[in-house]
């Protein structure tokens, strides 16, 4: 019977997220992750099929962190909800540079555009309610605003 793995998936993803935060997704290798955990690569591949699976988990965890920025800034009430979402985006870019790059500056040309629309569904709903626009006009409004906010965030 093989020995029980001494790391959980969550601990491995946490270490992978740390590496990504410090040096970017390009620095996330099996060797770097094993070094961070203080073990060989075997425990990693006992819980994950390959490094692509680890990277997908890091991407999901980075997105959860970004969503927490959104919730936090929107709940503060310092700005109207839609403006708060833009402010959270900029704050995330400033505080989590590598995770921002991972989420918002990677090549997404092969991704489904309709899935991208679903990612911004909460913002579209806010725009529709507050401005009385239909979904298509709300989407166009959001995309135009996002261009400005993204420009500020990348600076």
N, C-alpha and C. Protein backbone atom coordinates (compact mmCIF):
# COMPACT_ATOMS: atom_id res chain seq x y z
N UNK A 1 0.85 -1.18 0.00
CA UNK A 1 0.00 0.00 0.00
C UNK A 1 0.89 1.24 0.00
N UNK A 2 0.66 2.17 -0.98
CA UNK A 2 1.50 3.37 -1.04
C UNK A 2 1.24 4.28 0.15
N UNK A 3 2.26 5.07 0.55
CA UNK A 3 2.06 5.97 1.69
C UNK A 3 1.02 7.04 1.37
N UNK A 4 0.32 7.49 2.39
CA UNK A 4 -0.69 8.52 2.23
C UNK A 4 0.00 9.85 1.89
N UNK A 5 -0.59 10.58 0.96
CA UNK A 5 -0.04 11.88 0.55
C UNK A 5 -0.13 12.84 1.73
N UNK A 6 0.94 13.57 1.98
CA UNK A 6 0.94 14.47 3.14
C UNK A 6 0.42 15.87 2.80
N UNK A 7 0.04 16.10 1.57
CA UNK A 7 -0.52 17.39 1.16
C UNK A 7 -1.92 17.19 0.62
N UNK A 8 -2.76 18.18 0.84
CA UNK A 8 -4.10 18.16 0.26
C UNK A 8 -4.05 18.93 -1.07
N UNK A 9 -5.08 18.74 -1.87
CA UNK A 9 -5.17 19.51 -3.11
C UNK A 9 -5.14 21.00 -2.81
N UNK A 10 -5.85 21.38 -1.77
CA UNK A 10 -5.93 22.79 -1.39
C UNK A 10 -4.55 23.36 -1.03
N UNK A 11 -3.75 22.59 -0.33
CA UNK A 11 -2.40 23.06 0.04
C UNK A 11 -1.52 23.20 -1.21
N UNK A 12 -1.66 22.27 -2.12
CA UNK A 12 -0.87 22.33 -3.36
C UNK A 12 -1.30 23.54 -4.18
N UNK A 13 -2.60 23.76 -4.30
CA UNK A 13 -3.09 24.92 -5.05
C UNK A 13 -2.65 26.21 -4.37
N UNK A 14 -2.66 26.22 -3.05
CA UNK A 14 -2.19 27.40 -2.31
C UNK A 14 -0.73 27.72 -2.61
N UNK A 15 0.10 26.69 -2.64
CA UNK A 15 1.51 26.88 -2.96
C UNK A 15 1.67 27.33 -4.41
N UNK A 16 0.87 26.76 -5.30
CA UNK A 16 0.92 27.14 -6.72
C UNK A 16 0.48 28.59 -6.90
N UNK A 17 -0.55 28.99 -6.15
CA UNK A 17 -1.02 30.38 -6.21
C UNK A 17 0.06 31.33 -5.70
N UNK A 18 0.77 30.94 -4.65
CA UNK A 18 1.85 31.76 -4.11
C UNK A 18 2.93 31.98 -5.18
N UNK A 19 3.33 30.91 -5.84
CA UNK A 19 4.35 31.02 -6.90
C UNK A 19 3.86 31.94 -8.01
N UNK A 20 2.62 31.77 -8.41
CA UNK A 20 2.04 32.58 -9.48
C UNK A 20 1.98 34.05 -9.07
N UNK A 21 1.59 34.32 -7.84
CA UNK A 21 1.53 35.70 -7.34
C UNK A 21 2.90 36.36 -7.36
N UNK A 22 3.92 35.61 -7.02
CA UNK A 22 5.27 36.15 -6.92
C UNK A 22 5.95 36.31 -8.28
N UNK A 23 5.79 35.32 -9.16
CA UNK A 23 6.59 35.30 -10.38
C UNK A 23 5.80 35.07 -11.66
N UNK A 24 4.51 34.94 -11.57
CA UNK A 24 3.69 34.73 -12.77
C UNK A 24 3.47 33.27 -13.07
N UNK A 25 2.49 33.02 -13.92
CA UNK A 25 2.09 31.64 -14.24
C UNK A 25 3.21 30.90 -14.96
N UNK A 26 4.07 31.61 -15.66
CA UNK A 26 5.19 30.98 -16.35
C UNK A 26 6.19 30.32 -15.41
N UNK A 27 6.21 30.80 -14.17
CA UNK A 27 7.14 30.25 -13.18
C UNK A 27 6.57 29.01 -12.48
N UNK A 28 5.31 28.71 -12.74
CA UNK A 28 4.68 27.58 -12.08
C UNK A 28 5.02 26.28 -12.81
N UNK A 29 6.03 25.61 -12.30
CA UNK A 29 6.45 24.32 -12.85
C UNK A 29 6.37 23.28 -11.74
N UNK A 30 6.41 22.03 -12.14
CA UNK A 30 6.38 20.94 -11.14
C UNK A 30 7.58 21.08 -10.20
N UNK A 31 8.72 21.41 -10.75
CA UNK A 31 9.93 21.56 -9.94
C UNK A 31 9.79 22.71 -8.93
N UNK A 32 9.29 23.85 -9.40
CA UNK A 32 9.13 25.00 -8.51
C UNK A 32 8.08 24.72 -7.43
N UNK A 33 7.02 24.04 -7.82
CA UNK A 33 5.96 23.72 -6.87
C UNK A 33 6.46 22.72 -5.82
N UNK A 34 7.19 21.73 -6.27
CA UNK A 34 7.75 20.74 -5.34
C UNK A 34 8.73 21.43 -4.37
N UNK A 35 9.54 22.34 -4.89
CA UNK A 35 10.49 23.05 -4.03
C UNK A 35 9.74 23.89 -2.99
N UNK A 36 8.68 24.55 -3.40
CA UNK A 36 7.88 25.37 -2.48
C UNK A 36 7.27 24.51 -1.39
N UNK A 37 6.84 23.28 -1.76
CA UNK A 37 6.23 22.37 -0.79
C UNK A 37 7.27 21.60 0.03
N UNK A 38 8.51 21.61 -0.45
CA UNK A 38 9.57 20.87 0.24
C UNK A 38 9.45 19.36 0.05
N UNK A 39 9.10 18.97 -1.17
CA UNK A 39 8.94 17.55 -1.47
C UNK A 39 9.34 17.29 -2.91
N UNK A 40 9.17 16.07 -3.36
CA UNK A 40 9.38 15.76 -4.78
C UNK A 40 8.08 16.07 -5.52
N UNK A 41 8.10 15.88 -6.81
CA UNK A 41 6.90 16.12 -7.62
C UNK A 41 5.86 15.02 -7.45
N UNK A 42 6.25 13.91 -6.89
CA UNK A 42 5.33 12.77 -6.77
C UNK A 42 4.03 13.09 -6.05
N UNK A 43 4.05 13.78 -4.89
CA UNK A 43 2.77 14.11 -4.24
C UNK A 43 1.85 14.98 -5.11
N UNK A 44 2.45 15.83 -5.91
CA UNK A 44 1.66 16.70 -6.79
C UNK A 44 0.91 15.85 -7.81
N UNK A 45 1.64 14.95 -8.44
CA UNK A 45 1.04 14.14 -9.49
C UNK A 45 0.25 12.96 -8.94
N UNK A 46 0.27 12.80 -7.62
CA UNK A 46 -0.62 11.84 -6.99
C UNK A 46 -2.04 12.41 -6.87
N UNK A 47 -2.13 13.74 -6.86
CA UNK A 47 -3.43 14.40 -6.72
C UNK A 47 -3.90 15.10 -7.99
N UNK A 48 -2.96 15.41 -8.88
CA UNK A 48 -3.30 16.08 -10.14
C UNK A 48 -2.75 15.25 -11.30
N UNK A 49 -3.48 15.24 -12.42
CA UNK A 49 -3.04 14.48 -13.60
C UNK A 49 -1.78 15.08 -14.21
N UNK A 50 -1.74 16.43 -14.27
CA UNK A 50 -0.62 17.12 -14.91
C UNK A 50 -0.59 18.57 -14.44
N UNK A 51 0.39 19.30 -14.90
CA UNK A 51 0.53 20.70 -14.47
C UNK A 51 -0.57 21.58 -15.06
N UNK A 52 -1.14 21.20 -16.20
CA UNK A 52 -2.25 21.97 -16.76
C UNK A 52 -3.44 21.96 -15.80
N UNK A 53 -3.66 20.83 -15.15
CA UNK A 53 -4.75 20.76 -14.17
C UNK A 53 -4.45 21.67 -12.98
N UNK A 54 -3.21 21.70 -12.54
CA UNK A 54 -2.81 22.60 -11.45
C UNK A 54 -3.04 24.05 -11.88
N UNK A 55 -2.64 24.38 -13.10
CA UNK A 55 -2.81 25.74 -13.61
C UNK A 55 -4.28 26.12 -13.70
N UNK A 56 -5.14 25.19 -14.09
CA UNK A 56 -6.58 25.47 -14.13
C UNK A 56 -7.11 25.77 -12.73
N UNK A 57 -6.61 25.03 -11.75
CA UNK A 57 -7.03 25.28 -10.35
C UNK A 57 -6.53 26.65 -9.87
N UNK A 58 -5.33 27.02 -10.27
CA UNK A 58 -4.79 28.34 -9.91
C UNK A 58 -5.64 29.43 -10.56
N UNK A 59 -6.00 29.23 -11.81
CA UNK A 59 -6.86 30.19 -12.51
C UNK A 59 -8.20 30.34 -11.79
N UNK A 60 -8.78 29.22 -11.38
CA UNK A 60 -10.06 29.26 -10.66
C UNK A 60 -9.90 29.96 -9.31
N UNK A 61 -8.81 29.70 -8.62
CA UNK A 61 -8.57 30.33 -7.32
C UNK A 61 -8.33 31.83 -7.49
N UNK A 62 -7.60 32.22 -8.54
CA UNK A 62 -7.37 33.64 -8.81
C UNK A 62 -8.71 34.32 -9.10
N UNK A 63 -9.58 33.65 -9.82
CA UNK A 63 -10.89 34.23 -10.12
C UNK A 63 -11.73 34.36 -8.84
N UNK A 64 -11.65 33.38 -7.95
CA UNK A 64 -12.37 33.48 -6.68
C UNK A 64 -11.87 34.69 -5.88
N UNK A 65 -10.56 34.90 -5.91
CA UNK A 65 -9.99 36.05 -5.20
C UNK A 65 -10.49 37.36 -5.82
N UNK A 66 -10.50 37.42 -7.15
CA UNK A 66 -11.00 38.62 -7.83
C UNK A 66 -12.47 38.86 -7.48
N UNK A 67 -13.26 37.80 -7.46
CA UNK A 67 -14.68 37.93 -7.11
C UNK A 67 -14.83 38.47 -5.69
N UNK A 68 -13.92 38.08 -4.79
CA UNK A 68 -13.99 38.60 -3.42
C UNK A 68 -13.68 40.10 -3.40
N UNK A 69 -12.78 40.56 -4.27
CA UNK A 69 -12.51 41.99 -4.39
C UNK A 69 -13.78 42.71 -4.83
N UNK A 70 -14.47 42.14 -5.83
CA UNK A 70 -15.71 42.75 -6.31
C UNK A 70 -16.74 42.85 -5.19
N UNK A 71 -16.99 41.72 -4.52
CA UNK A 71 -17.98 41.70 -3.44
C UNK A 71 -17.62 42.72 -2.35
N UNK A 72 -16.37 42.71 -1.95
CA UNK A 72 -15.93 43.61 -0.88
C UNK A 72 -16.15 45.07 -1.24
N UNK A 73 -15.74 45.47 -2.43
CA UNK A 73 -15.88 46.88 -2.82
C UNK A 73 -17.33 47.27 -3.04
N UNK A 74 -18.13 46.34 -3.54
CA UNK A 74 -19.54 46.64 -3.77
C UNK A 74 -20.31 46.71 -2.44
N UNK A 75 -19.92 45.92 -1.47
CA UNK A 75 -20.60 45.92 -0.17
C UNK A 75 -20.22 47.11 0.70
N UNK A 76 -19.05 47.70 0.45
CA UNK A 76 -18.63 48.86 1.23
C UNK A 76 -19.61 50.01 1.09
N UNK A 77 -20.19 50.16 -0.10
CA UNK A 77 -21.14 51.24 -0.33
C UNK A 77 -20.48 52.58 -0.57
N UNK A 78 -19.17 52.59 -0.74
CA UNK A 78 -18.44 53.84 -0.98
C UNK A 78 -18.82 54.46 -2.33
N UNK A 79 -19.10 53.60 -3.30
CA UNK A 79 -19.49 54.03 -4.65
C UNK A 79 -20.76 53.28 -5.05
N UNK A 80 -21.46 53.80 -6.06
CA UNK A 80 -22.57 52.99 -6.61
C UNK A 80 -22.00 51.64 -7.08
N UNK A 81 -22.82 50.62 -7.06
CA UNK A 81 -22.36 49.25 -7.29
C UNK A 81 -21.55 49.08 -8.58
N UNK A 82 -22.02 49.65 -9.68
CA UNK A 82 -21.31 49.45 -10.94
C UNK A 82 -19.94 50.13 -10.91
N UNK A 83 -19.89 51.34 -10.37
CA UNK A 83 -18.61 52.03 -10.24
C UNK A 83 -17.68 51.26 -9.30
N UNK A 84 -18.24 50.71 -8.23
CA UNK A 84 -17.44 49.93 -7.28
C UNK A 84 -16.81 48.72 -7.96
N UNK A 85 -17.52 48.12 -8.92
CA UNK A 85 -16.94 46.97 -9.63
C UNK A 85 -15.72 47.40 -10.45
N UNK A 86 -15.77 48.58 -11.03
CA UNK A 86 -14.61 49.11 -11.77
C UNK A 86 -13.46 49.46 -10.85
N UNK A 87 -13.79 50.03 -9.70
CA UNK A 87 -12.76 50.37 -8.72
C UNK A 87 -12.09 49.10 -8.18
N UNK A 88 -12.88 48.05 -7.98
CA UNK A 88 -12.33 46.78 -7.50
C UNK A 88 -11.40 46.18 -8.54
N UNK A 89 -11.76 46.31 -9.81
CA UNK A 89 -10.93 45.82 -10.91
C UNK A 89 -9.56 46.50 -10.89
N UNK A 90 -9.58 47.80 -10.72
CA UNK A 90 -8.33 48.58 -10.68
C UNK A 90 -7.52 48.22 -9.43
N UNK A 91 -8.19 48.09 -8.31
CA UNK A 91 -7.49 47.72 -7.07
C UNK A 91 -6.86 46.33 -7.18
N UNK A 92 -7.59 45.40 -7.79
CA UNK A 92 -7.06 44.05 -7.99
C UNK A 92 -5.80 44.11 -8.86
N UNK A 93 -5.84 44.91 -9.93
CA UNK A 93 -4.67 45.06 -10.81
C UNK A 93 -3.47 45.61 -10.06
N UNK A 94 -3.73 46.54 -9.16
CA UNK A 94 -2.64 47.17 -8.40
C UNK A 94 -2.07 46.23 -7.35
N UNK A 95 -2.93 45.50 -6.65
CA UNK A 95 -2.49 44.68 -5.53
C UNK A 95 -2.08 43.26 -5.93
N UNK A 96 -2.61 42.77 -7.02
CA UNK A 96 -2.35 41.39 -7.46
C UNK A 96 -1.90 41.39 -8.92
N UNK A 97 -0.76 42.01 -9.18
CA UNK A 97 -0.30 42.22 -10.54
C UNK A 97 -0.26 40.93 -11.38
N UNK A 98 0.35 39.89 -10.85
CA UNK A 98 0.49 38.66 -11.62
C UNK A 98 -0.84 37.94 -11.81
N UNK A 99 -1.68 37.98 -10.80
CA UNK A 99 -2.99 37.35 -10.94
C UNK A 99 -3.86 38.14 -11.91
N UNK A 100 -3.72 39.46 -11.91
CA UNK A 100 -4.43 40.30 -12.88
C UNK A 100 -4.01 39.92 -14.30
N UNK A 101 -2.71 39.78 -14.50
CA UNK A 101 -2.21 39.37 -15.83
C UNK A 101 -2.79 38.02 -16.22
N UNK A 102 -2.79 37.10 -15.27
CA UNK A 102 -3.31 35.76 -15.54
C UNK A 102 -4.78 35.80 -15.95
N UNK A 103 -5.57 36.56 -15.23
CA UNK A 103 -7.01 36.59 -15.51
C UNK A 103 -7.39 37.45 -16.71
N UNK A 104 -6.74 38.60 -16.85
CA UNK A 104 -7.25 39.59 -17.80
C UNK A 104 -6.31 39.97 -18.93
N UNK A 105 -5.10 39.42 -18.93
CA UNK A 105 -4.17 39.81 -19.99
C UNK A 105 -3.60 38.60 -20.73
N UNK A 106 -4.24 37.46 -20.57
CA UNK A 106 -3.81 36.27 -21.30
C UNK A 106 -4.55 36.21 -22.62
N UNK A 107 -4.04 35.41 -23.54
CA UNK A 107 -4.69 35.23 -24.84
C UNK A 107 -6.00 34.50 -24.63
N UNK A 108 -7.08 35.16 -24.94
CA UNK A 108 -8.41 34.56 -24.77
C UNK A 108 -9.11 34.42 -26.12
N UNK A 109 -8.35 34.52 -27.20
CA UNK A 109 -8.93 34.50 -28.54
C UNK A 109 -9.64 33.20 -28.88
N UNK A 110 -9.28 32.12 -28.21
CA UNK A 110 -9.91 30.84 -28.50
C UNK A 110 -11.10 30.55 -27.59
N UNK A 111 -11.40 31.49 -26.69
CA UNK A 111 -12.50 31.29 -25.76
C UNK A 111 -13.83 31.67 -26.40
N UNK A 112 -14.88 31.08 -25.91
CA UNK A 112 -16.23 31.33 -26.40
C UNK A 112 -16.70 32.70 -25.92
N UNK A 113 -17.07 33.56 -26.85
CA UNK A 113 -17.50 34.92 -26.52
C UNK A 113 -18.76 34.91 -25.66
N UNK A 114 -19.66 33.97 -25.90
CA UNK A 114 -20.89 33.90 -25.10
C UNK A 114 -20.59 33.56 -23.64
N UNK A 115 -19.56 32.72 -23.40
CA UNK A 115 -19.16 32.43 -22.02
C UNK A 115 -18.64 33.71 -21.36
N UNK A 116 -17.92 34.52 -22.12
CA UNK A 116 -17.41 35.79 -21.57
C UNK A 116 -18.56 36.70 -21.17
N UNK A 117 -19.63 36.68 -21.93
CA UNK A 117 -20.79 37.51 -21.59
C UNK A 117 -21.39 37.05 -20.26
N UNK A 118 -21.41 35.76 -20.04
CA UNK A 118 -21.96 35.24 -18.79
C UNK A 118 -21.10 35.63 -17.59
N UNK A 119 -19.81 35.80 -17.79
CA UNK A 119 -18.93 36.24 -16.71
C UNK A 119 -19.30 37.62 -16.19
N UNK A 120 -19.84 38.45 -17.06
CA UNK A 120 -20.19 39.82 -16.66
C UNK A 120 -21.70 39.98 -16.45
N UNK A 121 -22.41 38.88 -16.34
CA UNK A 121 -23.87 38.92 -16.15
C UNK A 121 -24.28 39.82 -14.97
N UNK A 122 -23.62 39.74 -13.81
CA UNK A 122 -24.05 40.63 -12.71
C UNK A 122 -23.93 42.12 -13.07
N UNK A 123 -22.87 42.50 -13.78
CA UNK A 123 -22.71 43.89 -14.18
C UNK A 123 -23.79 44.28 -15.20
N UNK A 124 -24.10 43.37 -16.11
CA UNK A 124 -25.14 43.67 -17.11
C UNK A 124 -26.49 43.88 -16.42
N UNK A 125 -26.78 43.05 -15.43
CA UNK A 125 -28.04 43.20 -14.70
C UNK A 125 -28.09 44.55 -14.00
N UNK A 126 -26.98 44.98 -13.40
CA UNK A 126 -26.94 46.29 -12.73
C UNK A 126 -27.21 47.41 -13.72
N UNK A 127 -26.56 47.33 -14.88
CA UNK A 127 -26.71 48.37 -15.89
C UNK A 127 -28.15 48.41 -16.40
N UNK A 128 -28.70 47.25 -16.66
CA UNK A 128 -30.07 47.19 -17.17
C UNK A 128 -31.05 47.81 -16.16
N UNK A 129 -30.89 47.48 -14.88
CA UNK A 129 -31.77 48.01 -13.85
C UNK A 129 -31.63 49.52 -13.69
N UNK A 130 -30.39 49.96 -13.59
CA UNK A 130 -30.18 51.38 -13.27
C UNK A 130 -30.39 52.30 -14.48
N UNK A 131 -30.11 51.84 -15.68
CA UNK A 131 -30.24 52.70 -16.86
C UNK A 131 -31.43 52.35 -17.75
N UNK A 132 -32.09 51.24 -17.45
CA UNK A 132 -33.25 50.84 -18.25
C UNK A 132 -32.90 50.42 -19.67
N UNK A 133 -31.71 49.85 -19.85
CA UNK A 133 -31.28 49.41 -21.18
C UNK A 133 -31.63 47.94 -21.39
N UNK A 134 -31.78 47.55 -22.66
CA UNK A 134 -31.95 46.13 -22.94
C UNK A 134 -30.58 45.45 -22.82
N UNK A 135 -30.56 44.14 -22.87
CA UNK A 135 -29.31 43.40 -22.62
C UNK A 135 -28.20 43.76 -23.60
N UNK A 136 -28.53 43.89 -24.88
CA UNK A 136 -27.50 44.19 -25.88
C UNK A 136 -26.89 45.57 -25.65
N UNK A 137 -27.72 46.57 -25.38
CA UNK A 137 -27.20 47.91 -25.12
C UNK A 137 -26.41 47.94 -23.81
N UNK A 138 -26.85 47.19 -22.82
CA UNK A 138 -26.12 47.11 -21.55
C UNK A 138 -24.76 46.48 -21.78
N UNK A 139 -24.70 45.45 -22.63
CA UNK A 139 -23.43 44.79 -22.93
C UNK A 139 -22.49 45.76 -23.65
N UNK A 140 -22.99 46.49 -24.62
CA UNK A 140 -22.15 47.47 -25.34
C UNK A 140 -21.66 48.57 -24.39
N UNK A 141 -22.55 49.06 -23.53
CA UNK A 141 -22.16 50.06 -22.53
C UNK A 141 -21.04 49.51 -21.65
N UNK A 142 -21.24 48.29 -21.16
CA UNK A 142 -20.24 47.67 -20.28
C UNK A 142 -18.90 47.51 -21.00
N UNK A 143 -18.92 47.06 -22.22
CA UNK A 143 -17.66 46.85 -22.96
C UNK A 143 -16.93 48.17 -23.17
N UNK A 144 -17.66 49.24 -23.47
CA UNK A 144 -17.02 50.54 -23.65
C UNK A 144 -16.42 51.03 -22.32
N UNK A 145 -17.15 50.87 -21.24
CA UNK A 145 -16.63 51.28 -19.94
C UNK A 145 -15.44 50.41 -19.54
N UNK A 146 -15.54 49.11 -19.83
CA UNK A 146 -14.46 48.20 -19.48
C UNK A 146 -13.16 48.57 -20.19
N UNK A 147 -13.25 49.04 -21.41
CA UNK A 147 -12.05 49.46 -22.14
C UNK A 147 -11.33 50.56 -21.38
N UNK A 148 -12.06 51.53 -20.87
CA UNK A 148 -11.45 52.62 -20.11
C UNK A 148 -10.86 52.10 -18.78
N UNK A 149 -11.67 51.32 -18.07
CA UNK A 149 -11.23 50.80 -16.77
C UNK A 149 -10.02 49.88 -16.94
N UNK A 150 -10.05 49.05 -17.98
CA UNK A 150 -8.93 48.15 -18.23
C UNK A 150 -7.66 48.95 -18.55
N UNK A 151 -7.82 50.01 -19.30
CA UNK A 151 -6.67 50.87 -19.60
C UNK A 151 -6.06 51.46 -18.33
N UNK A 152 -6.89 51.94 -17.44
CA UNK A 152 -6.40 52.47 -16.16
C UNK A 152 -5.72 51.37 -15.37
N UNK A 153 -6.36 50.21 -15.31
CA UNK A 153 -5.82 49.09 -14.52
C UNK A 153 -4.46 48.63 -15.04
N UNK A 154 -4.29 48.62 -16.34
CA UNK A 154 -3.01 48.14 -16.88
C UNK A 154 -1.88 49.14 -16.68
N UNK A 155 -2.24 50.40 -16.47
CA UNK A 155 -1.20 51.41 -16.22
C UNK A 155 -0.68 51.29 -14.81
